[in-house]
Amino acid sequence: MESLAANSKTKRCPECGVYIPIEATRCPDCKKRVGPADKHGVGRKAVNYRAYAEMVLAFVGLGLFVWWFFLKDK
């Protein structure tokens, strides 16, 4: 039995559930990024690398603040 995605030319947005073309990278309804379809025809959520980079920068900034405020003069 073949998978549902192999027979279909659409995939479902993982955020809002709207069917979109299989080659689409962004959902036209909710404007979220959509990755390739899985075996059930649902697009995977795309990784948000910008959020990870912002988190790392925030932790580095917090570390520098703690060092400057508490440990600099010791």
C-alpha atoms as a PDB file:
ATOM      1  CA  MET A   1       0.000   0.000   0.000  1.00  0.00           C
ATOM      2  CA  GLU A   2       1.474   3.325  -1.036  1.00  0.00           C
ATOM      3  CA  SER A   3       1.590   6.277   1.289  1.00  0.00           C
ATOM      4  CA  LEU A   4      -0.970   9.052   1.071  1.00  0.00           C
ATOM      5  CA  ALA A   5       1.664  11.683   0.232  1.00  0.00           C
ATOM      6  CA  ALA A   6       3.015   9.666  -2.711  1.00  0.00           C
ATOM      7  CA  ASN A   7      -0.362   9.812  -4.488  1.00  0.00           C
ATOM      8  CA  SER A   8      -1.168  13.414  -3.648  1.00  0.00           C
ATOM      9  CA  LYS A   9      -0.063  16.728  -5.095  1.00  0.00           C
ATOM     10  CA  THR A  10      -0.928  18.562  -1.888  1.00  0.00           C
ATOM     11  CA  LYS A  11       0.138  18.514   1.735  1.00  0.00           C
ATOM     12  CA  ARG A  12      -1.486  19.837   4.886  1.00  0.00           C
ATOM     13  CA  CYS A  13      -0.122  22.784   6.828  1.00  0.00           C
ATOM     14  CA  PRO A  14       0.851  21.586  10.342  1.00  0.00           C
ATOM     15  CA  GLU A  15      -0.339  24.863  11.869  1.00  0.00           C
ATOM     16  CA  CYS A  16      -3.777  25.497  10.353  1.00  0.00           C
ATOM     17  CA  GLY A  17      -4.580  22.270   8.451  1.00  0.00           C
ATOM     18  CA  VAL A  18      -5.152  23.889   5.049  1.00  0.00           C
ATOM     19  CA  TYR A  19      -4.155  21.835   2.004  1.00  0.00           C
ATOM     20  CA  ILE A  20      -1.376  23.514   0.006  1.00  0.00           C
ATOM     21  CA  PRO A  21       0.647  22.494  -3.080  1.00  0.00           C
ATOM     22  CA  ILE A  22       3.337  19.903  -2.355  1.00  0.00           C
ATOM     23  CA  GLU A  23       6.146  22.255  -3.463  1.00  0.00           C
ATOM     24  CA  ALA A  24       4.963  25.189  -1.313  1.00  0.00           C
ATOM     25  CA  THR A  25       7.322  26.378   1.422  1.00  0.00           C
ATOM     26  CA  ARG A  26       4.920  28.843   3.076  1.00  0.00           C
ATOM     27  CA  CYS A  27       1.236  28.419   3.867  1.00  0.00           C
ATOM     28  CA  PRO A  28      -0.856  31.057   2.056  1.00  0.00           C
ATOM     29  CA  ASP A  29      -3.483  30.995   4.815  1.00  0.00           C
ATOM     30  CA  CYS A  30      -1.469  31.348   8.062  1.00  0.00           C
ATOM     31  CA  LYS A  31       1.850  32.508   6.476  1.00  0.00           C
ATOM     32  CA  LYS A  32       3.898  29.934   8.456  1.00  0.00           C
ATOM     33  CA  ARG A  33       6.860  28.113   6.907  1.00  0.00           C
ATOM     34  CA  VAL A  34       6.139  24.503   5.947  1.00  0.00           C
ATOM     35  CA  GLY A  35       8.707  21.767   5.368  1.00  0.00           C
ATOM     36  CA  PRO A  36       8.443  18.644   3.211  1.00  0.00           C
ATOM     37  CA  ALA A  37       5.453  16.329   3.634  1.00  0.00           C
ATOM     38  CA  ASP A  38       5.691  13.207   5.774  1.00  0.00           C
ATOM     39  CA  LYS A  39       4.191   9.826   4.821  1.00  0.00           C
ATOM     40  CA  HIS A  40       0.749  10.989   5.963  1.00  0.00           C
ATOM     41  CA  GLY A  41       0.740  14.087   3.741  1.00  0.00           C
ATOM     42  CA  VAL A  42       1.278  16.604   6.546  1.00  0.00           C
ATOM     43  CA  GLY A  43       4.047  19.149   6.080  1.00  0.00           C
ATOM     44  CA  ARG A  44       6.695  19.239   8.787  1.00  0.00           C
ATOM     45  CA  LYS A  45       7.192  22.359  10.849  1.00  0.00           C
ATOM     46  CA  ALA A  46      10.247  24.226   9.623  1.00  0.00           C
ATOM     47  CA  VAL A  47      13.043  24.896  12.120  1.00  0.00           C
ATOM     48  CA  ASN A  48      13.226  28.502  13.256  1.00  0.00           C
ATOM     49  CA  TYR A  49      17.003  29.074  13.349  1.00  0.00           C
ATOM     50  CA  ARG A  50      16.579  32.778  14.065  1.00  0.00           C
ATOM     51  CA  ALA A  51      14.846  32.017  17.366  1.00  0.00           C
ATOM     52  CA  TYR A  52      17.700  29.695  18.383  1.00  0.00           C
ATOM     53  CA  ALA A  53      20.278  32.373  17.532  1.00  0.00           C
ATOM     54  CA  GLU A  54      18.370  35.006  19.528  1.00  0.00           C
ATOM     55  CA  MET A  55      18.201  32.644  22.508  1.00  0.00           C
ATOM     56  CA  VAL A  56      21.955  32.023  22.408  1.00  0.00           C
ATOM     57  CA  LEU A  57      22.645  35.759  22.200  1.00  0.00           C
ATOM     58  CA  ALA A  58      20.307  36.408  25.131  1.00  0.00           C
ATOM     59  CA  PHE A  59      22.119  33.839  27.280  1.00  0.00           C
ATOM     60  CA  VAL A  60      25.505  35.278  26.315  1.00  0.00           C
ATOM     61  CA  GLY A  61      24.245  38.755  27.214  1.00  0.00           C
ATOM     62  CA  LEU A  62      22.922  37.488  30.545  1.00  0.00           C
ATOM     63  CA  GLY A  63      26.250  35.798  31.268  1.00  0.00           C
ATOM     64  CA  LEU A  64      28.175  38.979  30.480  1.00  0.00           C
ATOM     65  CA  PHE A  65      25.852  41.017  32.695  1.00  0.00           C
ATOM     66  CA  VAL A  66      26.250  38.609  35.620  1.00  0.00           C
ATOM     67  CA  TRP A  67      30.036  38.625  35.172  1.00  0.00           C
ATOM     68  CA  TRP A  68      30.157  42.429  34.956  1.00  0.00           C
ATOM     69  CA  PHE A  69      27.764  43.086  37.849  1.00  0.00           C
ATOM     70  CA  PHE A  70      28.897  40.403  40.319  1.00  0.00           C
ATOM     71  CA  LEU A  71      32.339  39.079  39.398  1.00  0.00           C
ATOM     72  CA  LYS A  72      34.267  41.871  37.664  1.00  0.00           C
ATOM     73  CA  ASP A  73      35.859  43.490  40.734  1.00  0.00           C
ATOM     74  CA  LYS A  74      36.864  40.291  42.518  1.00  0.00           C
END
